[in-house]
Each structure stands twice: as C-alpha cells, then as structure tokens.
Amino acid sequence: MAKFHIKTGDMVMVIAGREKGKSGRVVRMIPKQQRAVVEGINMITKHLKPSASNPQGGIESMEAPVHVSNLMVMDAAGTPTRTRIERNENGQAVRVSVKSGKPLTK
C-alpha cells in the first residue's frame, strides 16, 4: 500500500495543471490510482441516464480525481508546505509543516 503526503480532510492547494492556485479540502483518497478528490476542484459534468432513483436523469456537476503529485498540503496559516514526520512528547508520530515547524491539524 502506498503512503501519501496528504490525507482525507486535509486542506490542499493545486500546484500544477488547469486548476493551479486553487485550494480545497480532500474529500476522498483513491490509493490504487494515486489520486485524490478535492472539494470544488477539477469539476466535470456527468450526463445521467434516467433510473429508479433519478427518474428525470439530467446533467450533474461533480469533482473528478486529481493526481496527488499535483497537490500540496496547506498549514494552519494557509500557506502550502512540505511535511515531515516527527515524534511528539507522547512518542506519537505527528505530521509537521516544514515551513513553520508546527503540527498539521485537519
């Protein structure tokens, strides 16, 4: 299983591609494809056929996955930063912002 620098619930900024500079919260991770779905980023329109749950059908707008290499975690101050793992006083591993040195919170 791959390990990623971002997790579900993190605030991230897009650093490459069409949505560069935009930020949002990670809704879900797709580890096998190394992708993440970010709230309000990489919006697509999906045409839905009529079904029992959606008898009208229609066009729905939804987020498409973004590759994790194009995302960077944002710290509490709202600046994009790299992360590292450090041990706190209890011996637990905590993700820490490289720029500020403060622990990351979701």
PDB file of N, CA and C in Angstrom:
ATOM      1  N   MET A   1       0.843  -1.183   0.000  1.00  0.00           N
ATOM      2  CA  MET A   1       0.000   0.000   0.000  1.00  0.00           C
ATOM      3  C   MET A   1       0.887   1.245   0.000  1.00  0.00           C
ATOM      4  N   ALA A   2       0.569   2.179  -0.849  1.00  0.00           N
ATOM      5  CA  ALA A   2       1.358   3.395  -0.967  1.00  0.00           C
ATOM      6  C   ALA A   2       1.056   4.353   0.179  1.00  0.00           C
ATOM      7  N   LYS A   3       2.042   5.172   0.555  1.00  0.00           N
ATOM      8  CA  LYS A   3       1.854   6.198   1.569  1.00  0.00           C
ATOM      9  C   LYS A   3       1.878   7.547   0.863  1.00  0.00           C
ATOM     10  N   PHE A   4       1.034   8.450   1.300  1.00  0.00           N
ATOM     11  CA  PHE A   4       0.924   9.751   0.663  1.00  0.00           C
ATOM     12  C   PHE A   4       1.169  10.867   1.657  1.00  0.00           C
ATOM     13  N   HIS A   5       1.532  12.033   1.135  1.00  0.00           N
ATOM     14  CA  HIS A   5       1.776  13.191   1.986  1.00  0.00           C
ATOM     15  C   HIS A   5       0.483  13.908   2.347  1.00  0.00           C
ATOM     16  N   ILE A   6      -0.641  13.498   1.741  1.00  0.00           N
ATOM     17  CA  ILE A   6      -1.930  14.089   2.077  1.00  0.00           C
ATOM     18  C   ILE A   6      -2.877  13.009   2.590  1.00  0.00           C
ATOM     19  N   LYS A   7      -3.875  13.436   3.355  1.00  0.00           N
ATOM     20  CA  LYS A   7      -4.869  12.514   3.905  1.00  0.00           C
ATOM     21  C   LYS A   7      -6.249  13.122   3.722  1.00  0.00           C
ATOM     22  N   THR A   8      -7.269  12.295   3.863  1.00  0.00           N
ATOM     23  CA  THR A   8      -8.638  12.776   3.786  1.00  0.00           C
ATOM     24  C   THR A   8      -8.864  13.831   4.861  1.00  0.00           C
ATOM     25  N   GLY A   9      -9.458  14.945   4.480  1.00  0.00           N
ATOM     26  CA  GLY A   9      -9.735  16.031   5.423  1.00  0.00           C
ATOM     27  C   GLY A   9      -8.713  17.149   5.397  1.00  0.00           C
ATOM     28  N   ASP A  10      -7.556  16.939   4.756  1.00  0.00           N
ATOM     29  CA  ASP A  10      -6.523  17.978   4.678  1.00  0.00           C
ATOM     30  C   ASP A  10      -6.945  19.111   3.745  1.00  0.00           C
ATOM     31  N   MET A  11      -6.511  20.321   4.068  1.00  0.00           N
ATOM     32  CA  MET A  11      -6.648  21.439   3.136  1.00  0.00           C
ATOM     33  C   MET A  11      -5.437  21.376   2.214  1.00  0.00           C
ATOM     34  N   VAL A  12      -5.675  21.387   0.901  1.00  0.00           N
ATOM     35  CA  VAL A  12      -4.587  21.288  -0.064  1.00  0.00           C
ATOM     36  C   VAL A  12      -4.701  22.382  -1.118  1.00  0.00           C
ATOM     37  N   MET A  13      -3.565  22.671  -1.749  1.00  0.00           N
ATOM     38  CA  MET A  13      -3.522  23.616  -2.860  1.00  0.00           C
ATOM     39  C   MET A  13      -3.045  22.867  -4.097  1.00  0.00           C
ATOM     40  N   VAL A  14      -3.654  23.175  -5.246  1.00  0.00           N
ATOM     41  CA  VAL A  14      -3.237  22.566  -6.503  1.00  0.00           C
ATOM     42  C   VAL A  14      -2.020  23.334  -6.993  1.00  0.00           C
ATOM     43  N   ILE A  15      -0.915  22.621  -7.281  1.00  0.00           N
ATOM     44  CA  ILE A  15       0.333  23.292  -7.669  1.00  0.00           C
ATOM     45  C   ILE A  15       0.658  23.138  -9.146  1.00  0.00           C
ATOM     46  N   ALA A  16      -0.155  22.369  -9.894  1.00  0.00           N
ATOM     47  CA  ALA A  16       0.094  22.184 -11.320  1.00  0.00           C
ATOM     48  C   ALA A  16      -1.210  21.876 -12.034  1.00  0.00           C
ATOM     49  N   GLY A  17      -1.284  22.236 -13.294  1.00  0.00           N
ATOM     50  CA  GLY A  17      -2.445  21.907 -14.100  1.00  0.00           C
ATOM     51  C   GLY A  17      -3.421  23.056 -14.249  1.00  0.00           C
ATOM     52  N   ARG A  18      -4.577  22.740 -14.792  1.00  0.00           N
ATOM     53  CA  ARG A  18      -5.608  23.723 -15.122  1.00  0.00           C
ATOM     54  C   ARG A  18      -6.122  24.468 -13.883  1.00  0.00           C
ATOM     55  N   GLU A  19      -6.143  23.813 -12.741  1.00  0.00           N
ATOM     56  CA  GLU A  19      -6.693  24.384 -11.514  1.00  0.00           C
ATOM     57  C   GLU A  19      -5.609  24.972 -10.592  1.00  0.00           C
ATOM     58  N   LYS A  20      -4.424  25.232 -11.136  1.00  0.00           N
ATOM     59  CA  LYS A  20      -3.287  25.706 -10.342  1.00  0.00           C
ATOM     60  C   LYS A  20      -3.646  26.945  -9.526  1.00  0.00           C
ATOM     61  N   GLY A  21      -3.272  26.916  -8.230  1.00  0.00           N
ATOM     62  CA  GLY A  21      -3.507  28.037  -7.336  1.00  0.00           C
ATOM     63  C   GLY A  21      -4.778  27.920  -6.519  1.00  0.00           C
ATOM     64  N   LYS A  22      -5.680  27.034  -6.900  1.00  0.00           N
ATOM     65  CA  LYS A  22      -6.929  26.863  -6.156  1.00  0.00           C
ATOM     66  C   LYS A  22      -6.707  25.917  -4.979  1.00  0.00           C
ATOM     67  N   SER A  23      -7.549  26.055  -3.961  1.00  0.00           N
ATOM     68  CA  SER A  23      -7.406  25.181  -2.795  1.00  0.00           C
ATOM     69  C   SER A  23      -8.760  24.629  -2.371  1.00  0.00           C
ATOM     70  N   GLY A  24      -8.720  23.535  -1.627  1.00  0.00           N
ATOM     71  CA  GLY A  24      -9.934  22.903  -1.141  1.00  0.00           C
ATOM     72  C   GLY A  24      -9.601  21.772  -0.186  1.00  0.00           C
ATOM     73  N   ARG A  25     -10.637  21.134   0.337  1.00  0.00           N
ATOM     74  CA  ARG A  25     -10.470  20.047   1.298  1.00  0.00           C
ATOM     75  C   ARG A  25     -10.541  18.706   0.583  1.00  0.00           C
ATOM     76  N   VAL A  26      -9.674  17.769   0.969  1.00  0.00           N
ATOM     77  CA  VAL A  26      -9.662  16.430   0.375  1.00  0.00           C
ATOM     78  C   VAL A  26     -10.889  15.670   0.871  1.00  0.00           C
ATOM     79  N   VAL A  27     -11.731  15.242  -0.079  1.00  0.00           N
ATOM     80  CA  VAL A  27     -12.962  14.532   0.256  1.00  0.00           C
ATOM     81  C   VAL A  27     -12.694  13.043   0.367  1.00  0.00           C
ATOM     82  N   ARG A  28     -11.884  12.516  -0.578  1.00  0.00           N
ATOM     83  CA  ARG A  28     -11.623  11.070  -0.570  1.00  0.00           C
ATOM     84  C   ARG A  28     -10.327  10.790  -1.305  1.00  0.00           C
ATOM     85  N   MET A  29      -9.654   9.732  -0.860  1.00  0.00           N
ATOM     86  CA  MET A  29      -8.406   9.293  -1.488  1.00  0.00           C
ATOM     87  C   MET A  29      -8.672   8.033  -2.312  1.00  0.00           C
ATOM     88  N   ILE A  30      -7.940   7.888  -3.429  1.00  0.00           N
ATOM     89  CA  ILE A  30      -8.004   6.692  -4.268  1.00  0.00           C
ATOM     90  C   ILE A  30      -6.575   6.171  -4.374  1.00  0.00           C
ATOM     91  N   PRO A  31      -6.118   5.363  -3.394  1.00  0.00           N
ATOM     92  CA  PRO A  31      -4.711   4.959  -3.321  1.00  0.00           C
ATOM     93  C   PRO A  31      -4.215   4.170  -4.528  1.00  0.00           C
ATOM     94  N   LYS A  32      -5.035   3.284  -5.083  1.00  0.00           N
ATOM     95  CA  LYS A  32      -4.572   2.467  -6.206  1.00  0.00           C
ATOM     96  C   LYS A  32      -4.236   3.300  -7.428  1.00  0.00           C
ATOM     97  N   GLN A  33      -4.923   4.415  -7.620  1.00  0.00           N
ATOM     98  CA  GLN A  33      -4.664   5.297  -8.758  1.00  0.00           C
ATOM     99  C   GLN A  33      -3.790   6.489  -8.376  1.00  0.00           C
ATOM    100  N   GLN A  34      -3.394   6.592  -7.111  1.00  0.00           N
ATOM    101  CA  GLN A  34      -2.605   7.704  -6.575  1.00  0.00           C
ATOM    102  C   GLN A  34      -3.295   9.033  -6.833  1.00  0.00           C
ATOM    103  N   ARG A  35      -4.579   9.081  -6.555  1.00  0.00           N
ATOM    104  CA  ARG A  35      -5.373  10.275  -6.801  1.00  0.00           C
ATOM    105  C   ARG A  35      -6.203  10.651  -5.579  1.00  0.00           C
ATOM    106  N   ALA A  36      -6.640  11.908  -5.576  1.00  0.00           N
ATOM    107  CA  ALA A  36      -7.488  12.410  -4.500  1.00  0.00           C
ATOM    108  C   ALA A  36      -8.608  13.242  -5.104  1.00  0.00           C
ATOM    109  N   VAL A  37      -9.771  13.201  -4.471  1.00  0.00           N
ATOM    110  CA  VAL A  37     -10.891  14.033  -4.884  1.00  0.00           C
ATOM    111  C   VAL A  37     -10.916  15.231  -3.937  1.00  0.00           C
ATOM    112  N   VAL A  38     -10.848  16.441  -4.510  1.00  0.00           N
ATOM    113  CA  VAL A  38     -10.782  17.666  -3.720  1.00  0.00           C
ATOM    114  C   VAL A  38     -12.055  18.478  -3.954  1.00  0.00           C
ATOM    115  N   GLU A  39     -12.629  18.988  -2.866  1.00  0.00           N
ATOM    116  CA  GLU A  39     -13.874  19.744  -2.905  1.00  0.00           C
ATOM    117  C   GLU A  39     -13.748  20.964  -3.818  1.00  0.00           C
ATOM    118  N   GLY A  40     -14.589  21.047  -4.847  1.00  0.00           N
ATOM    119  CA  GLY A  40     -14.635  22.214  -5.726  1.00  0.00           C
ATOM    120  C   GLY A  40     -13.526  22.304  -6.755  1.00  0.00           C
ATOM    121  N   ILE A  41     -12.678  21.290  -6.856  1.00  0.00           N
ATOM    122  CA  ILE A  41     -11.556  21.310  -7.790  1.00  0.00           C
ATOM    123  C   ILE A  41     -11.777  20.269  -8.882  1.00  0.00           C
ATOM    124  N   ASN A  42     -11.388  20.593 -10.112  1.00  0.00           N
ATOM    125  CA  ASN A  42     -11.461  19.684 -11.266  1.00  0.00           C
ATOM    126  C   ASN A  42     -12.899  19.233 -11.509  1.00  0.00           C
ATOM    127  N   MET A  43     -13.813  20.212 -11.578  1.00  0.00           N
ATOM    128  CA  MET A  43     -15.234  19.924 -11.775  1.00  0.00           C
ATOM    129  C   MET A  43     -15.500  19.443 -13.200  1.00  0.00           C
ATOM    130  N   ILE A  44     -16.333  18.394 -13.299  1.00  0.00           N
ATOM    131  CA  ILE A  44     -16.738  17.866 -14.596  1.00  0.00           C
ATOM    132  C   ILE A  44     -18.262  17.781 -14.623  1.00  0.00           C
ATOM    133  N   THR A  45     -18.825  17.669 -15.826  1.00  0.00           N
ATOM    134  CA  THR A  45     -20.263  17.454 -15.942  1.00  0.00           C
ATOM    135  C   THR A  45     -20.486  16.021 -16.369  1.00  0.00           C
ATOM    136  N   LYS A  46     -21.391  15.355 -15.681  1.00  0.00           N
ATOM    137  CA  LYS A  46     -21.688  13.957 -15.965  1.00  0.00           C
ATOM    138  C   LYS A  46     -23.148  13.857 -16.399  1.00  0.00           C
ATOM    139  N   HIS A  47     -23.376  13.195 -17.523  1.00  0.00           N
ATOM    140  CA  HIS A  47     -24.728  13.005 -18.035  1.00  0.00           C
ATOM    141  C   HIS A  47     -25.290  11.720 -17.442  1.00  0.00           C
ATOM    142  N   LEU A  48     -26.413  11.843 -16.739  1.00  0.00           N
ATOM    143  CA  LEU A  48     -27.003  10.699 -16.051  1.00  0.00           C
ATOM    144  C   LEU A  48     -28.247  10.215 -16.787  1.00  0.00           C
ATOM    145  N   LYS A  49     -28.311   8.901 -16.997  1.00  0.00           N
ATOM    146  CA  LYS A  49     -29.496   8.303 -17.604  1.00  0.00           C
ATOM    147  C   LYS A  49     -30.608   8.252 -16.561  1.00  0.00           C
ATOM    148  N   PRO A  50     -31.847   8.305 -17.002  1.00  0.00           N
ATOM    149  CA  PRO A  50     -32.941   8.146 -16.037  1.00  0.00           C
ATOM    150  C   PRO A  50     -32.878   6.772 -15.376  1.00  0.00           C
ATOM    151  N   SER A  51     -33.137   6.732 -14.075  1.00  0.00           N
ATOM    152  CA  SER A  51     -33.131   5.478 -13.323  1.00  0.00           C
ATOM    153  C   SER A  51     -34.235   5.541 -12.271  1.00  0.00           C
ATOM    154  N   ALA A  52     -34.375   4.484 -11.508  1.00  0.00           N
ATOM    155  CA  ALA A  52     -35.398   4.459 -10.472  1.00  0.00           C
ATOM    156  C   ALA A  52     -35.142   5.533  -9.410  1.00  0.00           C
ATOM    157  N   SER A  53     -33.875   5.731  -9.040  1.00  0.00           N
ATOM    158  CA  SER A  53     -33.552   6.726  -8.021  1.00  0.00           C
ATOM    159  C   SER A  53     -33.536   8.145  -8.589  1.00  0.00           C
ATOM    160  N   ASN A  54     -33.301   8.264  -9.896  1.00  0.00           N
ATOM    161  CA  ASN A  54     -33.256   9.562 -10.561  1.00  0.00           C
ATOM    162  C   ASN A  54     -34.100   9.483 -11.837  1.00  0.00           C
ATOM    163  N   PRO A  55     -35.432   9.551 -11.722  1.00  0.00           N
ATOM    164  CA  PRO A  55     -36.297   9.313 -12.877  1.00  0.00           C
ATOM    165  C   PRO A  55     -36.158  10.373 -13.976  1.00  0.00           C
ATOM    166  N   GLN A  56     -35.727  11.561 -13.622  1.00  0.00           N
ATOM    167  CA  GLN A  56     -35.595  12.628 -14.615  1.00  0.00           C
ATOM    168  C   GLN A  56     -34.302  12.506 -15.413  1.00  0.00           C
ATOM    169  N   GLY A  57     -33.242  11.935 -14.805  1.00  0.00           N
ATOM    170  CA  GLY A  57     -31.932  11.933 -15.464  1.00  0.00           C
ATOM    171  C   GLY A  57     -31.347  13.333 -15.384  1.00  0.00           C
ATOM    172  N   GLY A  58     -30.520  13.712 -16.357  1.00  0.00           N
ATOM    173  CA  GLY A  58     -30.017  15.079 -16.418  1.00  0.00           C
ATOM    174  C   GLY A  58     -28.507  15.168 -16.385  1.00  0.00           C
ATOM    175  N   ILE A  59     -28.034  16.400 -16.165  1.00  0.00           N
ATOM    176  CA  ILE A  59     -26.600  16.685 -16.153  1.00  0.00           C
ATOM    177  C   ILE A  59     -26.216  17.092 -14.737  1.00  0.00           C
ATOM    178  N   GLU A  60     -25.212  16.427 -14.187  1.00  0.00           N
ATOM    179  CA  GLU A  60     -24.764  16.687 -12.823  1.00  0.00           C
ATOM    180  C   GLU A  60     -23.318  17.157 -12.856  1.00  0.00           C
ATOM    181  N   SER A  61     -22.992  18.130 -12.014  1.00  0.00           N
ATOM    182  CA  SER A  61     -21.626  18.624 -11.888  1.00  0.00           C
ATOM    183  C   SER A  61     -20.978  17.946 -10.687  1.00  0.00           C
ATOM    184  N   MET A  62     -19.777  17.390 -10.871  1.00  0.00           N
ATOM    185  CA  MET A  62     -19.111  16.688  -9.774  1.00  0.00           C
ATOM    186  C   MET A  62     -17.595  16.838  -9.884  1.00  0.00           C
ATOM    187  N   GLU A  63     -16.891  16.541  -8.771  1.00  0.00           N
ATOM    188  CA  GLU A  63     -15.430  16.640  -8.752  1.00  0.00           C
ATOM    189  C   GLU A  63     -14.813  15.384  -9.345  1.00  0.00           C
ATOM    190  N   ALA A  64     -13.778  15.559 -10.159  1.00  0.00           N
ATOM    191  CA  ALA A  64     -13.013  14.438 -10.694  1.00  0.00           C
ATOM    192  C   ALA A  64     -11.714  14.328  -9.896  1.00  0.00           C
ATOM    193  N   PRO A  65     -11.116  13.131  -9.831  1.00  0.00           N
ATOM    194  CA  PRO A  65      -9.873  12.966  -9.063  1.00  0.00           C
ATOM    195  C   PRO A  65      -8.696  13.750  -9.663  1.00  0.00           C
ATOM    196  N   VAL A  66      -7.771  14.142  -8.789  1.00  0.00           N
ATOM    197  CA  VAL A  66      -6.545  14.844  -9.163  1.00  0.00           C
ATOM    198  C   VAL A  66      -5.376  14.002  -8.673  1.00  0.00           C
ATOM    199  N   HIS A  67      -4.299  13.915  -9.448  1.00  0.00           N
ATOM    200  CA  HIS A  67      -3.133  13.140  -9.029  1.00  0.00           C
ATOM    201  C   HIS A  67      -2.489  13.816  -7.821  1.00  0.00           C
ATOM    202  N   VAL A  68      -2.055  13.002  -6.845  1.00  0.00           N
ATOM    203  CA  VAL A  68      -1.516  13.550  -5.591  1.00  0.00           C
ATOM    204  C   VAL A  68      -0.237  14.361  -5.795  1.00  0.00           C
ATOM    205  N   SER A  69       0.490  14.129  -6.887  1.00  0.00           N
ATOM    206  CA  SER A  69       1.710  14.896  -7.138  1.00  0.00           C
ATOM    207  C   SER A  69       1.395  16.352  -7.474  1.00  0.00           C
ATOM    208  N   ASN A  70       0.156  16.633  -7.837  1.00  0.00           N
ATOM    209  CA  ASN A  70      -0.255  17.999  -8.163  1.00  0.00           C
ATOM    210  C   ASN A  70      -0.873  18.728  -6.974  1.00  0.00           C
ATOM    211  N   LEU A  71      -0.804  18.119  -5.789  1.00  0.00           N
ATOM    212  CA  LEU A  71      -1.396  18.707  -4.586  1.00  0.00           C
ATOM    213  C   LEU A  71      -0.332  18.937  -3.521  1.00  0.00           C
ATOM    214  N   MET A  72      -0.505  20.016  -2.755  1.00  0.00           N
ATOM    215  CA  MET A  72       0.413  20.320  -1.666  1.00  0.00           C
ATOM    216  C   MET A  72      -0.397  20.701  -0.431  1.00  0.00           C
ATOM    217  N   VAL A  73      -0.022  20.149   0.709  1.00  0.00           N
ATOM    218  CA  VAL A  73      -0.730  20.406   1.965  1.00  0.00           C
ATOM    219  C   VAL A  73      -0.567  21.860   2.380  1.00  0.00           C
ATOM    220  N   MET A  74      -1.649  22.433   2.942  1.00  0.00           N
ATOM    221  CA  MET A  74      -1.587  23.797   3.470  1.00  0.00           C
ATOM    222  C   MET A  74      -1.571  23.734   4.989  1.00  0.00           C
ATOM    223  N   ASP A  75      -0.735  24.570   5.604  1.00  0.00           N
ATOM    224  CA  ASP A  75      -0.673  24.581   7.069  1.00  0.00           C
ATOM    225  C   ASP A  75      -1.775  25.486   7.636  1.00  0.00           C
ATOM    226  N   ALA A  76      -1.783  25.671   8.939  1.00  0.00           N
ATOM    227  CA  ALA A  76      -2.840  26.444   9.598  1.00  0.00           C
ATOM    228  C   ALA A  76      -2.888  27.893   9.111  1.00  0.00           C
ATOM    229  N   ALA A  77      -1.745  28.430   8.690  1.00  0.00           N
ATOM    230  CA  ALA A  77      -1.693  29.813   8.203  1.00  0.00           C
ATOM    231  C   ALA A  77      -2.203  29.938   6.772  1.00  0.00           C
ATOM    232  N   GLY A  78      -2.443  28.805   6.114  1.00  0.00           N
ATOM    233  CA  GLY A  78      -2.951  28.831   4.742  1.00  0.00           C
ATOM    234  C   GLY A  78      -1.871  28.900   3.681  1.00  0.00           C
ATOM    235  N   THR A  79      -0.637  28.579   4.049  1.00  0.00           N
ATOM    236  CA  THR A  79       0.443  28.563   3.062  1.00  0.00           C
ATOM    237  C   THR A  79       0.788  27.123   2.713  1.00  0.00           C
ATOM    238  N   PRO A  80       1.026  26.839   1.428  1.00  0.00           N
ATOM    239  CA  PRO A  80       1.397  25.477   1.051  1.00  0.00           C
ATOM    240  C   PRO A  80       2.775  25.121   1.609  1.00  0.00           C
ATOM    241  N   THR A  81       2.930  23.891   2.067  1.00  0.00           N
ATOM    242  CA  THR A  81       4.178  23.478   2.704  1.00  0.00           C
ATOM    243  C   THR A  81       4.434  22.000   2.483  1.00  0.00           C
ATOM    244  N   ARG A  82       5.683  21.614   2.562  1.00  0.00           N
ATOM    245  CA  ARG A  82       6.013  20.186   2.592  1.00  0.00           C
ATOM    246  C   ARG A  82       5.810  19.716   4.022  1.00  0.00           C
ATOM    247  N   THR A  83       5.780  18.403   4.209  1.00  0.00           N
ATOM    248  CA  THR A  83       5.570  17.871   5.550  1.00  0.00           C
ATOM    249  C   THR A  83       6.678  16.901   5.919  1.00  0.00           C
ATOM    250  N   ARG A  84       6.848  16.708   7.217  1.00  0.00           N
ATOM    251  CA  ARG A  84       7.748  15.673   7.709  1.00  0.00           C
ATOM    252  C   ARG A  84       7.095  15.061   8.940  1.00  0.00           C
ATOM    253  N   ILE A  85       7.574  13.895   9.311  1.00  0.00           N
ATOM    254  CA  ILE A  85       7.039  13.188  10.468  1.00  0.00           C
ATOM    255  C   ILE A  85       7.986  13.391  11.646  1.00  0.00           C
ATOM    256  N   GLU A  86       7.438  13.833  12.763  1.00  0.00           N
ATOM    257  CA  GLU A  86       8.219  13.988  13.992  1.00  0.00           C
ATOM    258  C   GLU A  86       7.463  13.320  15.129  1.00  0.00           C
ATOM    259  N   ARG A  87       8.178  12.991  16.196  1.00  0.00           N
ATOM    260  CA  ARG A  87       7.556  12.393  17.374  1.00  0.00           C
ATOM    261  C   ARG A  87       7.239  13.504  18.369  1.00  0.00           C
ATOM    262  N   ASN A  88       6.040  13.465  18.960  1.00  0.00           N
ATOM    263  CA  ASN A  88       5.710  14.438  19.994  1.00  0.00           C
ATOM    264  C   ASN A  88       6.153  13.917  21.358  1.00  0.00           C
ATOM    265  N   GLU A  89       5.818  14.638  22.424  1.00  0.00           N
ATOM    266  CA  GLU A  89       6.280  14.245  23.760  1.00  0.00           C
ATOM    267  C   GLU A  89       5.712  12.909  24.217  1.00  0.00           C
ATOM    268  N   ASN A  90       4.594  12.468  23.629  1.00  0.00           N
ATOM    269  CA  ASN A  90       3.999  11.172  23.974  1.00  0.00           C
ATOM    270  C   ASN A  90       4.579  10.033  23.142  1.00  0.00           C
ATOM    271  N   GLY A  91       5.462  10.364  22.202  1.00  0.00           N
ATOM    272  CA  GLY A  91       6.058   9.347  21.346  1.00  0.00           C
ATOM    273  C   GLY A  91       5.237   9.022  20.112  1.00  0.00           C
ATOM    274  N   GLN A  92       4.149   9.766  19.896  1.00  0.00           N
ATOM    275  CA  GLN A  92       3.315   9.534  18.722  1.00  0.00           C
ATOM    276  C   GLN A  92       3.887  10.259  17.508  1.00  0.00           C
ATOM    277  N   ALA A  93       3.741   9.649  16.322  1.00  0.00           N
ATOM    278  CA  ALA A  93       4.186  10.279  15.086  1.00  0.00           C
ATOM    279  C   ALA A  93       3.182  11.345  14.679  1.00  0.00           C
ATOM    280  N   VAL A  94       3.675  12.547  14.379  1.00  0.00           N
ATOM    281  CA  VAL A  94       2.830  13.679  14.004  1.00  0.00           C
ATOM    282  C   VAL A  94       3.385  14.315  12.742  1.00  0.00           C
ATOM    283  N   ARG A  95       2.486  14.677  11.814  1.00  0.00           N
ATOM    284  CA  ARG A  95       2.934  15.397  10.618  1.00  0.00           C
ATOM    285  C   ARG A  95       3.177  16.857  10.980  1.00  0.00           C
ATOM    286  N   VAL A  96       4.322  17.379  10.552  1.00  0.00           N
ATOM    287  CA  VAL A  96       4.731  18.735  10.901  1.00  0.00           C
ATOM    288  C   VAL A  96       5.005  19.522   9.632  1.00  0.00           C
ATOM    289  N   SER A  97       4.623  20.797   9.611  1.00  0.00           N
ATOM    290  CA  SER A  97       4.898  21.685   8.492  1.00  0.00           C
ATOM    291  C   SER A  97       6.388  22.005   8.444  1.00  0.00           C
ATOM    292  N   VAL A  98       7.003  21.879   7.280  1.00  0.00           N
ATOM    293  CA  VAL A  98       8.429  22.172   7.147  1.00  0.00           C
ATOM    294  C   VAL A  98       8.651  23.677   7.266  1.00  0.00           C
ATOM    295  N   LYS A  99       7.732  24.499   6.728  1.00  0.00           N
ATOM    296  CA  LYS A  99       7.893  25.953   6.759  1.00  0.00           C
ATOM    297  C   LYS A  99       7.797  26.517   8.163  1.00  0.00           C
ATOM    298  N   SER A 100       6.731  26.163   8.896  1.00  0.00           N
ATOM    299  CA  SER A 100       6.502  26.781  10.203  1.00  0.00           C
ATOM    300  C   SER A 100       6.996  25.922  11.363  1.00  0.00           C
ATOM    301  N   GLY A 101       7.124  24.613  11.164  1.00  0.00           N
ATOM    302  CA  GLY A 101       7.538  23.723  12.230  1.00  0.00           C
ATOM    303  C   GLY A 101       6.411  23.335  13.163  1.00  0.00           C
ATOM    304  N   LYS A 102       5.183  23.757  12.839  1.00  0.00           N
ATOM    305  CA  LYS A 102       4.029  23.461  13.682  1.00  0.00           C
ATOM    306  C   LYS A 102       3.320  22.218  13.184  1.00  0.00           C
ATOM    307  N   PRO A 103       2.692  21.474  14.100  1.00  0.00           N
ATOM    308  CA  PRO A 103       1.954  20.262  13.680  1.00  0.00           C
ATOM    309  C   PRO A 103       0.762  20.612  12.786  1.00  0.00           C
ATOM    310  N   LEU A 104       0.468  19.735  11.846  1.00  0.00           N
ATOM    311  CA  LEU A 104      -0.674  19.948  10.955  1.00  0.00           C
ATOM    312  C   LEU A 104      -1.949  19.465  11.626  1.00  0.00           C
ATOM    313  N   THR A 105      -2.997  20.238  11.492  1.00  0.00           N
ATOM    314  CA  THR A 105      -4.300  19.847  12.010  1.00  0.00           C
ATOM    315  C   THR A 105      -5.273  19.765  10.846  1.00  0.00           C
ATOM    316  N   LYS A 106      -6.268  18.917  10.993  1.00  0.00           N
ATOM    317  CA  LYS A 106      -7.255  18.759   9.909  1.00  0.00           C
ATOM    318  C   LYS A 106      -8.323  19.804  10.016  1.00  0.00           C
TER     319      LYS A 106
END
